[in-house]
Amino acid sequence: TPKAVETDVKPVKNKLHFDQETGLLWPVNGEILMEYSADK
């Protein structure tokens, strides 16, 4: 049988979804040395 033609098409990955209500896991456990401050 003829060989299958190789293509560069990659399998489609599941679309990422971030649920803001669920929120984020702490990447490490520790004290906050410096808080986020974009306005001051």
Full PDB file with SEQRES, HELIX, SHEET, SSBOND, CRYST1, ORIGX, SCALE, CONECT and MASTER records, all heavy atoms in Angstrom:
SEQRES   1 A   40  THR PRO LYS ALA VAL GLU THR ASP VAL LYS PRO VAL LYS          
SEQRES   2 A   40  ASN LYS LEU HIS PHE ASP GLN GLU THR GLY LEU LEU TRP          
SEQRES   3 A   40  PRO VAL ASN GLY GLU ILE LEU MET GLU TYR SER ALA ASP          
SEQRES   4 A   40  LYS                                                          
CRYST1    1.000    1.000    1.000  90.00  90.00  90.00 P 1           1          
ORIGX1      1.000000  0.000000  0.000000        0.00000                         
ORIGX2      0.000000  1.000000  0.000000        0.00000                         
ORIGX3      0.000000  0.000000  1.000000        0.00000                         
SCALE1      1.000000  0.000000  0.000000        0.00000                         
SCALE2      0.000000  1.000000  0.000000        0.00000                         
SCALE3      0.000000  0.000000  1.000000        0.00000                         
ATOM      1  N   THR A   1       0.854  -1.184   0.000  1.00  0.00           N  
ATOM      2  CA  THR A   1       0.000   0.000   0.000  1.00  0.00           C  
ATOM      3  C   THR A   1       0.887   1.230   0.000  1.00  0.00           C  
ATOM      4  O   THR A   1       1.983   1.225   0.566  1.00  0.00           O  
ATOM      5  CB  THR A   1      -0.900   0.027   1.254  1.00  0.00           C  
ATOM      6  OG1 THR A   1      -0.063  -0.084   2.421  1.00  0.00           O  
ATOM      7  CG2 THR A   1      -1.878  -1.123   1.228  1.00  0.00           C  
ATOM      8  N   PRO A   2       0.460   2.283  -0.589  1.00  0.00           N  
ATOM      9  CA  PRO A   2       1.298   3.495  -0.628  1.00  0.00           C  
ATOM     10  C   PRO A   2       1.511   4.048   0.762  1.00  0.00           C  
ATOM     11  O   PRO A   2       0.636   3.993   1.624  1.00  0.00           O  
ATOM     12  CB  PRO A   2       0.469   4.460  -1.493  1.00  0.00           C  
ATOM     13  CG  PRO A   2      -0.936   3.933  -1.416  1.00  0.00           C  
ATOM     14  CD  PRO A   2      -0.803   2.437  -1.287  1.00  0.00           C  
ATOM     15  N   LYS A   3       2.724   4.514   1.020  1.00  0.00           N  
ATOM     16  CA  LYS A   3       3.053   5.065   2.325  1.00  0.00           C  
ATOM     17  C   LYS A   3       2.254   6.342   2.578  1.00  0.00           C  
ATOM     18  O   LYS A   3       1.976   7.115   1.671  1.00  0.00           O  
ATOM     19  CB  LYS A   3       4.552   5.377   2.406  1.00  0.00           C  
ATOM     20  CG  LYS A   3       5.427   4.135   2.353  1.00  0.00           C  
ATOM     21  CD  LYS A   3       6.888   4.518   2.502  1.00  0.00           C  
ATOM     22  CE  LYS A   3       7.767   3.280   2.494  1.00  0.00           C  
ATOM     23  NZ  LYS A   3       9.205   3.633   2.618  1.00  0.00           N  
ATOM     24  N   ALA A   4       1.911   6.496   3.848  1.00  0.00           N  
ATOM     25  CA  ALA A   4       1.160   7.698   4.209  1.00  0.00           C  
ATOM     26  C   ALA A   4       2.038   8.926   4.011  1.00  0.00           C  
ATOM     27  O   ALA A   4       3.225   8.913   4.321  1.00  0.00           O  
ATOM     28  CB  ALA A   4       0.693   7.613   5.661  1.00  0.00           C  
ATOM     29  N   VAL A   5       1.454   9.940   3.496  1.00  0.00           N  
ATOM     30  CA  VAL A   5       2.197  11.180   3.258  1.00  0.00           C  
ATOM     31  C   VAL A   5       2.401  11.896   4.586  1.00  0.00           C  
ATOM     32  O   VAL A   5       1.450  12.164   5.328  1.00  0.00           O  
ATOM     33  CB  VAL A   5       1.434  12.082   2.271  1.00  0.00           C  
ATOM     34  CG1 VAL A   5       2.198  13.381   2.054  1.00  0.00           C  
ATOM     35  CG2 VAL A   5       1.205  11.351   0.968  1.00  0.00           C  
ATOM     36  N   GLU A   6       3.682  12.143   4.904  1.00  0.00           N  
ATOM     37  CA  GLU A   6       3.995  12.823   6.148  1.00  0.00           C  
ATOM     38  C   GLU A   6       3.660  14.306   6.018  1.00  0.00           C  
ATOM     39  O   GLU A   6       3.958  14.949   5.018  1.00  0.00           O  
ATOM     40  CB  GLU A   6       5.473  12.656   6.489  1.00  0.00           C  
ATOM     41  CG  GLU A   6       5.856  11.211   6.792  1.00  0.00           C  
ATOM     42  CD  GLU A   6       7.306  11.106   7.195  1.00  0.00           C  
ATOM     43  OE1 GLU A   6       7.974  12.161   7.233  1.00  0.00           O  
ATOM     44  OE2 GLU A   6       7.765   9.994   7.464  1.00  0.00           O  
ATOM     45  N   THR A   7       3.054  14.818   7.058  1.00  0.00           N  
ATOM     46  CA  THR A   7       2.710  16.245   7.076  1.00  0.00           C  
ATOM     47  C   THR A   7       3.261  16.870   8.342  1.00  0.00           C  
ATOM     48  O   THR A   7       3.625  16.185   9.302  1.00  0.00           O  
ATOM     49  CB  THR A   7       1.184  16.444   7.034  1.00  0.00           C  
ATOM     50  OG1 THR A   7       0.614  15.845   8.207  1.00  0.00           O  
ATOM     51  CG2 THR A   7       0.589  15.797   5.790  1.00  0.00           C  
ATOM     52  N   ASP A   8       3.349  18.168   8.336  1.00  0.00           N  
ATOM     53  CA  ASP A   8       3.855  18.902   9.495  1.00  0.00           C  
ATOM     54  C   ASP A   8       2.742  19.311  10.443  1.00  0.00           C  
ATOM     55  O   ASP A   8       2.960  20.097  11.365  1.00  0.00           O  
ATOM     56  CB  ASP A   8       4.605  20.162   9.027  1.00  0.00           C  
ATOM     57  CG  ASP A   8       5.856  19.801   8.239  1.00  0.00           C  
ATOM     58  OD1 ASP A   8       6.399  18.722   8.508  1.00  0.00           O  
ATOM     59  OD2 ASP A   8       6.269  20.590   7.375  1.00  0.00           O  
ATOM     60  N   VAL A   9       1.545  18.787  10.227  1.00  0.00           N  
ATOM     61  CA  VAL A   9       0.411  19.160  11.077  1.00  0.00           C  
ATOM     62  C   VAL A   9       0.575  18.528  12.446  1.00  0.00           C  
ATOM     63  O   VAL A   9       0.740  17.317  12.565  1.00  0.00           O  
ATOM     64  CB  VAL A   9      -0.924  18.712  10.441  1.00  0.00           C  
ATOM     65  CG1 VAL A   9      -2.082  19.066  11.355  1.00  0.00           C  
ATOM     66  CG2 VAL A   9      -1.087  19.362   9.069  1.00  0.00           C  
ATOM     67  N   LYS A  10       0.549  19.312  13.475  1.00  0.00           N  
ATOM     68  CA  LYS A  10       0.698  18.826  14.839  1.00  0.00           C  
ATOM     69  C   LYS A  10      -0.675  18.674  15.478  1.00  0.00           C  
ATOM     70  O   LYS A  10      -1.617  19.391  15.125  1.00  0.00           O  
ATOM     71  CB  LYS A  10       1.545  19.804  15.657  1.00  0.00           C  
ATOM     72  CG  LYS A  10       2.984  19.913  15.155  1.00  0.00           C  
ATOM     73  CD  LYS A  10       3.776  20.876  16.023  1.00  0.00           C  
ATOM     74  CE  LYS A  10       5.209  20.992  15.531  1.00  0.00           C  
ATOM     75  NZ  LYS A  10       6.002  21.947  16.357  1.00  0.00           N  
ATOM     76  N   PRO A  11      -0.799  17.713  16.417  1.00  0.00           N  
ATOM     77  CA  PRO A  11      -2.096  17.536  17.072  1.00  0.00           C  
ATOM     78  C   PRO A  11      -2.501  18.796  17.835  1.00  0.00           C  
ATOM     79  O   PRO A  11      -1.678  19.468  18.448  1.00  0.00           O  
ATOM     80  CB  PRO A  11      -1.846  16.361  18.043  1.00  0.00           C  
ATOM     81  CG  PRO A  11      -0.371  16.296  18.202  1.00  0.00           C  
ATOM     82  CD  PRO A  11       0.209  16.770  16.909  1.00  0.00           C  
ATOM     83  N   VAL A  12      -3.775  19.074  17.783  1.00  0.00           N  
ATOM     84  CA  VAL A  12      -4.284  20.278  18.441  1.00  0.00           C  
ATOM     85  C   VAL A  12      -4.314  20.050  19.955  1.00  0.00           C  
ATOM     86  O   VAL A  12      -4.852  19.059  20.440  1.00  0.00           O  
ATOM     87  CB  VAL A  12      -5.705  20.615  17.921  1.00  0.00           C  
ATOM     88  CG1 VAL A  12      -6.239  21.847  18.637  1.00  0.00           C  
ATOM     89  CG2 VAL A  12      -5.667  20.834  16.417  1.00  0.00           C  
ATOM     90  N   LYS A  13      -3.706  20.981  20.689  1.00  0.00           N  
ATOM     91  CA  LYS A  13      -3.698  20.886  22.141  1.00  0.00           C  
ATOM     92  C   LYS A  13      -4.994  21.478  22.700  1.00  0.00           C  
ATOM     93  O   LYS A  13      -5.597  22.370  22.101  1.00  0.00           O  
ATOM     94  CB  LYS A  13      -2.503  21.651  22.711  1.00  0.00           C  
ATOM     95  CG  LYS A  13      -1.160  21.045  22.336  1.00  0.00           C  
ATOM     96  CD  LYS A  13      -0.021  21.847  22.958  1.00  0.00           C  
ATOM     97  CE  LYS A  13       1.324  21.253  22.597  1.00  0.00           C  
ATOM     98  NZ  LYS A  13       2.462  22.034  23.179  1.00  0.00           N  
ATOM     99  N   ASN A  14      -5.380  20.958  23.852  1.00  0.00           N  
ATOM    100  CA  ASN A  14      -6.560  21.496  24.519  1.00  0.00           C  
ATOM    101  C   ASN A  14      -6.321  22.960  24.885  1.00  0.00           C  
ATOM    102  O   ASN A  14      -5.246  23.335  25.369  1.00  0.00           O  
ATOM    103  CB  ASN A  14      -6.874  20.695  25.783  1.00  0.00           C  
ATOM    104  CG  ASN A  14      -7.282  19.277  25.465  1.00  0.00           C  
ATOM    105  OD1 ASN A  14      -7.847  19.013  24.406  1.00  0.00           O  
ATOM    106  ND2 ASN A  14      -6.999  18.360  26.376  1.00  0.00           N  
ATOM    107  N   LYS A  15      -7.323  23.758  24.645  1.00  0.00           N  
ATOM    108  CA  LYS A  15      -7.190  25.181  24.920  1.00  0.00           C  
ATOM    109  C   LYS A  15      -7.111  25.413  26.418  1.00  0.00           C  
ATOM    110  O   LYS A  15      -7.843  24.822  27.206  1.00  0.00           O  
ATOM    111  CB  LYS A  15      -8.388  25.937  24.330  1.00  0.00           C  
ATOM    112  CG  LYS A  15      -8.262  27.447  24.424  1.00  0.00           C  
ATOM    113  CD  LYS A  15      -9.440  28.130  23.741  1.00  0.00           C  
ATOM    114  CE  LYS A  15      -9.309  29.644  23.825  1.00  0.00           C  
ATOM    115  NZ  LYS A  15     -10.453  30.331  23.160  1.00  0.00           N  
ATOM    116  N   LEU A  16      -6.171  26.277  26.786  1.00  0.00           N  
ATOM    117  CA  LEU A  16      -5.989  26.592  28.200  1.00  0.00           C  
ATOM    118  C   LEU A  16      -7.114  27.513  28.680  1.00  0.00           C  
ATOM    119  O   LEU A  16      -7.596  28.373  27.935  1.00  0.00           O  
ATOM    120  CB  LEU A  16      -4.637  27.282  28.417  1.00  0.00           C  
ATOM    121  CG  LEU A  16      -3.392  26.422  28.167  1.00  0.00           C  
ATOM    122  CD1 LEU A  16      -2.150  27.300  28.138  1.00  0.00           C  
ATOM    123  CD2 LEU A  16      -3.267  25.358  29.252  1.00  0.00           C  
ATOM    124  N   HIS A  17      -7.494  27.304  29.936  1.00  0.00           N  
ATOM    125  CA  HIS A  17      -8.539  28.152  30.536  1.00  0.00           C  
ATOM    126  C   HIS A  17      -8.154  28.458  31.981  1.00  0.00           C  
ATOM    127  O   HIS A  17      -7.833  27.560  32.760  1.00  0.00           O  
ATOM    128  CB  HIS A  17      -9.893  27.448  30.504  1.00  0.00           C  
ATOM    129  CG  HIS A  17     -10.950  28.166  31.279  1.00  0.00           C  
ATOM    130  ND1 HIS A  17     -11.406  29.438  30.944  1.00  0.00           N  
ATOM    131  CD2 HIS A  17     -11.637  27.805  32.404  1.00  0.00           C  
ATOM    132  CE1 HIS A  17     -12.318  29.817  31.815  1.00  0.00           C  
ATOM    133  NE2 HIS A  17     -12.470  28.849  32.705  1.00  0.00           N  
ATOM    134  N   PHE A  18      -8.157  29.746  32.297  1.00  0.00           N  
ATOM    135  CA  PHE A  18      -7.856  30.168  33.659  1.00  0.00           C  
ATOM    136  C   PHE A  18      -9.136  30.648  34.331  1.00  0.00           C  
ATOM    137  O   PHE A  18      -9.780  31.609  33.885  1.00  0.00           O  
ATOM    138  CB  PHE A  18      -6.813  31.285  33.670  1.00  0.00           C  
ATOM    139  CG  PHE A  18      -6.573  31.874  35.026  1.00  0.00           C  
ATOM    140  CD1 PHE A  18      -6.200  31.069  36.099  1.00  0.00           C  
ATOM    141  CD2 PHE A  18      -6.747  33.234  35.254  1.00  0.00           C  
ATOM    142  CE1 PHE A  18      -5.999  31.611  37.363  1.00  0.00           C  
ATOM    143  CE2 PHE A  18      -6.541  33.792  36.514  1.00  0.00           C  
ATOM    144  CZ  PHE A  18      -6.169  32.970  37.568  1.00  0.00           C  
ATOM    145  N   ASP A  19      -9.498  29.969  35.398  1.00  0.00           N  
ATOM    146  CA  ASP A  19     -10.704  30.319  36.160  1.00  0.00           C  
ATOM    147  C   ASP A  19     -10.296  31.280  37.285  1.00  0.00           C  
ATOM    148  O   ASP A  19      -9.657  30.870  38.267  1.00  0.00           O  
ATOM    149  CB  ASP A  19     -11.332  29.049  36.733  1.00  0.00           C  
ATOM    150  CG  ASP A  19     -12.681  29.325  37.395  1.00  0.00           C  
ATOM    151  OD1 ASP A  19     -13.035  30.518  37.556  1.00  0.00           O  
ATOM    152  OD2 ASP A  19     -13.377  28.350  37.742  1.00  0.00           O  
ATOM    153  N   GLN A  20     -10.675  32.538  37.151  1.00  0.00           N  
ATOM    154  CA  GLN A  20     -10.281  33.543  38.145  1.00  0.00           C  
ATOM    155  C   GLN A  20     -10.923  33.278  39.501  1.00  0.00           C  
ATOM    156  O   GLN A  20     -10.351  33.614  40.544  1.00  0.00           O  
ATOM    157  CB  GLN A  20     -10.649  34.947  37.654  1.00  0.00           C  
ATOM    158  CG  GLN A  20      -9.915  35.346  36.381  1.00  0.00           C  
ATOM    159  CD  GLN A  20     -10.215  36.776  35.975  1.00  0.00           C  
ATOM    160  OE1 GLN A  20     -10.168  37.719  36.805  1.00  0.00           O  
ATOM    161  NE2 GLN A  20     -10.542  36.995  34.706  1.00  0.00           N  
ATOM    162  N   GLU A  21     -12.112  32.680  39.495  1.00  0.00           N  
ATOM    163  CA  GLU A  21     -12.773  32.398  40.773  1.00  0.00           C  
ATOM    164  C   GLU A  21     -12.031  31.296  41.531  1.00  0.00           C  
ATOM    165  O   GLU A  21     -11.944  31.337  42.760  1.00  0.00           O  
ATOM    166  CB  GLU A  21     -14.222  31.994  40.531  1.00  0.00           C  
ATOM    167  CG  GLU A  21     -15.093  33.127  40.002  1.00  0.00           C  
ATOM    168  CD  GLU A  21     -16.551  32.719  39.880  1.00  0.00           C  
ATOM    169  OE1 GLU A  21     -16.869  31.564  40.245  1.00  0.00           O  
ATOM    170  OE2 GLU A  21     -17.369  33.544  39.442  1.00  0.00           O  
ATOM    171  N   THR A  22     -11.526  30.314  40.795  1.00  0.00           N  
ATOM    172  CA  THR A  22     -10.737  29.250  41.442  1.00  0.00           C  
ATOM    173  C   THR A  22      -9.415  29.807  41.942  1.00  0.00           C  
ATOM    174  O   THR A  22      -8.922  29.423  43.010  1.00  0.00           O  
ATOM    175  CB  THR A  22     -10.487  28.095  40.456  1.00  0.00           C  
ATOM    176  OG1 THR A  22     -11.752  27.595  40.006  1.00  0.00           O  
ATOM    177  CG2 THR A  22      -9.689  26.982  41.096  1.00  0.00           C  
ATOM    178  N   GLY A  23      -8.826  30.710  41.170  1.00  0.00           N  
ATOM    179  CA  GLY A  23      -7.603  31.367  41.604  1.00  0.00           C  
ATOM    180  C   GLY A  23      -6.343  30.560  41.372  1.00  0.00           C  
ATOM    181  O   GLY A  23      -6.328  29.563  40.639  1.00  0.00           O  
ATOM    182  N   LEU A  24      -5.273  30.976  42.052  1.00  0.00           N  
ATOM    183  CA  LEU A  24      -3.928  30.416  41.847  1.00  0.00           C  
ATOM    184  C   LEU A  24      -3.413  29.710  43.092  1.00  0.00           C  
ATOM    185  O   LEU A  24      -3.731  30.084  44.218  1.00  0.00           O  
ATOM    186  CB  LEU A  24      -2.946  31.542  41.483  1.00  0.00           C  
ATOM    187  CG  LEU A  24      -3.214  32.327  40.200  1.00  0.00           C  
ATOM    188  CD1 LEU A  24      -2.297  33.546  40.138  1.00  0.00           C  
ATOM    189  CD2 LEU A  24      -3.014  31.436  38.990  1.00  0.00           C  
ATOM    190  N   LEU A  25      -2.615  28.677  42.854  1.00  0.00           N  
ATOM    191  CA  LEU A  25      -1.906  27.983  43.934  1.00  0.00           C  
ATOM    192  C   LEU A  25      -0.651  28.773  44.288  1.00  0.00           C  
ATOM    193  O   LEU A  25       0.010  29.327  43.402  1.00  0.00           O  
ATOM    194  CB  LEU A  25      -1.521  26.574  43.447  1.00  0.00           C  
ATOM    195  CG  LEU A  25      -0.708  25.701  44.409  1.00  0.00           C  
ATOM    196  CD1 LEU A  25      -1.603  25.207  45.542  1.00  0.00           C  
ATOM    197  CD2 LEU A  25      -0.098  24.525  43.661  1.00  0.00           C  
ATOM    198  N   TRP A  26      -0.334  28.844  45.575  1.00  0.00           N  
ATOM    199  CA  TRP A  26       0.903  29.515  45.972  1.00  0.00           C  
ATOM    200  C   TRP A  26       2.093  28.726  45.423  1.00  0.00           C  
ATOM    201  O   TRP A  26       2.211  27.520  45.668  1.00  0.00           O  
ATOM    202  CB  TRP A  26       1.008  29.618  47.486  1.00  0.00           C  
ATOM    203  CG  TRP A  26       0.174  30.728  48.074  1.00  0.00           C  
ATOM    204  CD1 TRP A  26      -1.175  30.719  48.269  1.00  0.00           C  
ATOM    205  CD2 TRP A  26       0.645  31.995  48.512  1.00  0.00           C  
ATOM    206  NE1 TRP A  26      -1.597  31.903  48.806  1.00  0.00           N  
ATOM    207  CE2 TRP A  26      -0.490  32.726  48.979  1.00  0.00           C  
ATOM    208  CE3 TRP A  26       1.888  32.621  48.580  1.00  0.00           C  
ATOM    209  CZ2 TRP A  26      -0.405  34.021  49.492  1.00  0.00           C  
ATOM    210  CZ3 TRP A  26       1.977  33.910  49.091  1.00  0.00           C  
ATOM    211  CH2 TRP A  26       0.837  34.597  49.536  1.00  0.00           C  
ATOM    212  N   PRO A  27       3.004  29.388  44.701  1.00  0.00           N  
ATOM    213  CA  PRO A  27       4.153  28.657  44.130  1.00  0.00           C  
ATOM    214  C   PRO A  27       5.147  28.198  45.198  1.00  0.00           C  
ATOM    215  O   PRO A  27       5.793  27.146  45.044  1.00  0.00           O  
ATOM    216  CB  PRO A  27       4.780  29.668  43.177  1.00  0.00           C  
ATOM    217  CG  PRO A  27       4.342  31.008  43.697  1.00  0.00           C  
ATOM    218  CD  PRO A  27       2.989  30.797  44.290  1.00  0.00           C  
ATOM    219  N   VAL A  28       5.285  28.971  46.270  1.00  0.00           N  
ATOM    220  CA  VAL A  28       6.093  28.589  47.444  1.00  0.00           C  
ATOM    221  C   VAL A  28       5.367  29.132  48.680  1.00  0.00           C  
ATOM    222  O   VAL A  28       4.578  30.086  48.592  1.00  0.00           O  
ATOM    223  CB  VAL A  28       7.540  29.153  47.394  1.00  0.00           C  
ATOM    224  CG1 VAL A  28       8.343  28.496  46.286  1.00  0.00           C  
ATOM    225  CG2 VAL A  28       7.538  30.678  47.249  1.00  0.00           C  
ATOM    226  N   ASN A  29       5.661  28.530  49.781  1.00  0.00           N  
ATOM    227  CA  ASN A  29       5.100  29.032  51.040  1.00  0.00           C  
ATOM    228  C   ASN A  29       6.149  29.905  51.726  1.00  0.00           C  
ATOM    229  O   ASN A  29       7.271  29.435  51.991  1.00  0.00           O  
ATOM    230  CB  ASN A  29       4.704  27.879  51.962  1.00  0.00           C  
ATOM    231  CG  ASN A  29       3.553  27.061  51.396  1.00  0.00           C  
ATOM    232  OD1 ASN A  29       2.611  27.618  50.817  1.00  0.00           O  
ATOM    233  ND2 ASN A  29       3.623  25.752  51.559  1.00  0.00           N  
ATOM    234  N   GLY A  30       5.798  31.135  51.983  1.00  0.00           N  
ATOM    235  CA  GLY A  30       6.763  32.033  52.631  1.00  0.00           C  
ATOM    236  C   GLY A  30       6.172  33.404  52.897  1.00  0.00           C  
ATOM    237  O   GLY A  30       5.051  33.739  52.480  1.00  0.00           O  
ATOM    238  N   GLU A  31       6.955  34.210  53.599  1.00  0.00           N  
ATOM    239  CA  GLU A  31       6.546  35.577  53.955  1.00  0.00           C  
ATOM    240  C   GLU A  31       6.675  36.485  52.734  1.00  0.00           C  
ATOM    241  O   GLU A  31       7.563  36.304  51.885  1.00  0.00           O  
ATOM    242  CB  GLU A  31       7.457  36.068  55.077  1.00  0.00           C  
ATOM    243  CG  GLU A  31       7.156  37.479  55.557  1.00  0.00           C  
ATOM    244  CD  GLU A  31       8.167  37.955  56.575  1.00  0.00           C  
ATOM    245  OE1 GLU A  31       9.007  37.149  57.006  1.00  0.00           O  
ATOM    246  OE2 GLU A  31       8.124  39.163  56.924  1.00  0.00           O  
ATOM    247  N   ILE A  32       5.769  37.446  52.660  1.00  0.00           N  
ATOM    248  CA  ILE A  32       5.838  38.425  51.584  1.00  0.00           C  
ATOM    249  C   ILE A  32       6.899  39.467  51.969  1.00  0.00           C  
ATOM    250  O   ILE A  32       6.724  40.246  52.929  1.00  0.00           O  
ATOM    251  CB  ILE A  32       4.477  39.123  51.355  1.00  0.00           C  
ATOM    252  CG1 ILE A  32       3.390  38.093  51.043  1.00  0.00           C  
ATOM    253  CG2 ILE A  32       4.593  40.157  50.225  1.00  0.00           C  
ATOM    254  CD1 ILE A  32       3.635  37.296  49.796  1.00  0.00           C  
ATOM    255  N   LEU A  33       8.033  39.483  51.244  1.00  0.00           N  
ATOM    256  CA  LEU A  33       9.099  40.447  51.521  1.00  0.00           C  
ATOM    257  C   LEU A  33       8.765  41.817  50.944  1.00  0.00           C  
ATOM    258  O   LEU A  33       9.104  42.842  51.535  1.00  0.00           O  
ATOM    259  CB  LEU A  33      10.426  39.956  50.917  1.00  0.00           C  
ATOM    260  CG  LEU A  33      11.018  38.686  51.524  1.00  0.00           C  
ATOM    261  CD1 LEU A  33      12.296  38.308  50.772  1.00  0.00           C  
ATOM    262  CD2 LEU A  33      11.320  38.878  53.000  1.00  0.00           C  
ATOM    263  N   MET A  34       8.095  41.799  49.768  1.00  0.00           N  
ATOM    264  CA  MET A  34       7.738  43.065  49.135  1.00  0.00           C  
ATOM    265  C   MET A  34       6.441  42.858  48.370  1.00  0.00           C  
ATOM    266  O   MET A  34       6.329  41.944  47.552  1.00  0.00           O  
ATOM    267  CB  MET A  34       8.851  43.527  48.196  1.00  0.00           C  
ATOM    268  CG  MET A  34       8.677  44.936  47.681  1.00  0.00           C  
ATOM    269  SD  MET A  34      10.117  45.489  46.694  1.00  0.00           S  
ATOM    270  CE  MET A  34      11.387  45.495  47.961  1.00  0.00           C  
ATOM    271  N   GLU A  35       5.458  43.707  48.672  1.00  0.00           N  
ATOM    272  CA  GLU A  35       4.151  43.574  48.049  1.00  0.00           C  
ATOM    273  C   GLU A  35       4.140  44.172  46.645  1.00  0.00           C  
ATOM    274  O   GLU A  35       4.993  45.001  46.295  1.00  0.00           O  
ATOM    275  CB  GLU A  35       3.077  44.247  48.913  1.00  0.00           C  
ATOM    276  CG  GLU A  35       2.869  43.590  50.254  1.00  0.00           C  
ATOM    277  CD  GLU A  35       1.766  44.253  51.063  1.00  0.00           C  
ATOM    278  OE1 GLU A  35       1.255  45.316  50.621  1.00  0.00           O  
ATOM    279  OE2 GLU A  35       1.416  43.739  52.133  1.00  0.00           O  
ATOM    280  N   TYR A  36       3.137  43.744  45.909  1.00  0.00           N  
ATOM    281  CA  TYR A  36       2.916  44.303  44.570  1.00  0.00           C  
ATOM    282  C   TYR A  36       2.521  45.765  44.714  1.00  0.00           C  
ATOM    283  O   TYR A  36       1.673  46.131  45.546  1.00  0.00           O  
ATOM    284  CB  TYR A  36       1.797  43.512  43.871  1.00  0.00           C  
ATOM    285  CG  TYR A  36       1.322  44.099  42.554  1.00  0.00           C  
ATOM    286  CD1 TYR A  36       1.988  43.815  41.366  1.00  0.00           C  
ATOM    287  CD2 TYR A  36       0.203  44.931  42.525  1.00  0.00           C  
ATOM    288  CE1 TYR A  36       1.544  44.348  40.164  1.00  0.00           C  
ATOM    289  CE2 TYR A  36      -0.253  45.466  41.334  1.00  0.00           C  
ATOM    290  CZ  TYR A  36       0.421  45.173  40.147  1.00  0.00           C  
ATOM    291  OH  TYR A  36      -0.014  45.707  38.970  1.00  0.00           O  
ATOM    292  N   SER A  37       3.123  46.625  43.901  1.00  0.00           N  
ATOM    293  CA  SER A  37       2.810  48.051  43.968  1.00  0.00           C  
ATOM    294  C   SER A  37       3.049  48.676  42.598  1.00  0.00           C  
ATOM    295  O   SER A  37       4.194  48.972  42.226  1.00  0.00           O  
ATOM    296  CB  SER A  37       3.680  48.764  45.026  1.00  0.00           C  
ATOM    297  OG  SER A  37       3.407  50.143  45.066  1.00  0.00           O  
ATOM    298  N   ALA A  38       1.967  48.829  41.844  1.00  0.00           N  
ATOM    299  CA  ALA A  38       2.070  49.423  40.511  1.00  0.00           C  
ATOM    300  C   ALA A  38       1.673  50.885  40.497  1.00  0.00           C  
ATOM    301  O   ALA A  38       2.040  51.615  39.566  1.00  0.00           O  
ATOM    302  CB  ALA A  38       1.188  48.646  39.534  1.00  0.00           C  
ATOM    303  N   ASP A  39       0.937  51.329  41.557  1.00  0.00           N  
ATOM    304  CA  ASP A  39       0.433  52.697  41.578  1.00  0.00           C  
ATOM    305  C   ASP A  39       1.295  53.636  42.429  1.00  0.00           C  
ATOM    306  O   ASP A  39       1.239  54.855  42.269  1.00  0.00           O  
ATOM    307  CB  ASP A  39      -1.000  52.737  42.105  1.00  0.00           C  
ATOM    308  CG  ASP A  39      -1.946  51.927  41.220  1.00  0.00           C  
ATOM    309  OD1 ASP A  39      -1.671  51.843  39.992  1.00  0.00           O  
ATOM    310  OD2 ASP A  39      -2.933  51.375  41.736  1.00  0.00           O  
ATOM    311  N   LYS A  40       2.059  53.086  43.348  1.00  0.00           N  
ATOM    312  CA  LYS A  40       2.906  53.910  44.195  1.00  0.00           C  
ATOM    313  C   LYS A  40       4.264  53.237  44.399  1.00  0.00           C  
ATOM    314  O   LYS A  40       4.393  52.009  44.246  1.00  0.00           O  
ATOM    315  CB  LYS A  40       2.237  54.150  45.553  1.00  0.00           C  
ATOM    316  CG  LYS A  40       1.947  52.894  46.337  1.00  0.00           C  
ATOM    317  CD  LYS A  40       1.253  53.237  47.654  1.00  0.00           C  
ATOM    318  CE  LYS A  40       0.982  51.953  48.464  1.00  0.00           C  
ATOM    319  NZ  LYS A  40       0.342  52.267  49.760  1.00  0.00           N  
TER     320      LYS A  40                                                      
MASTER        0    0    0    0    0    0    0    6  319    1    0    4          
END                                                                             
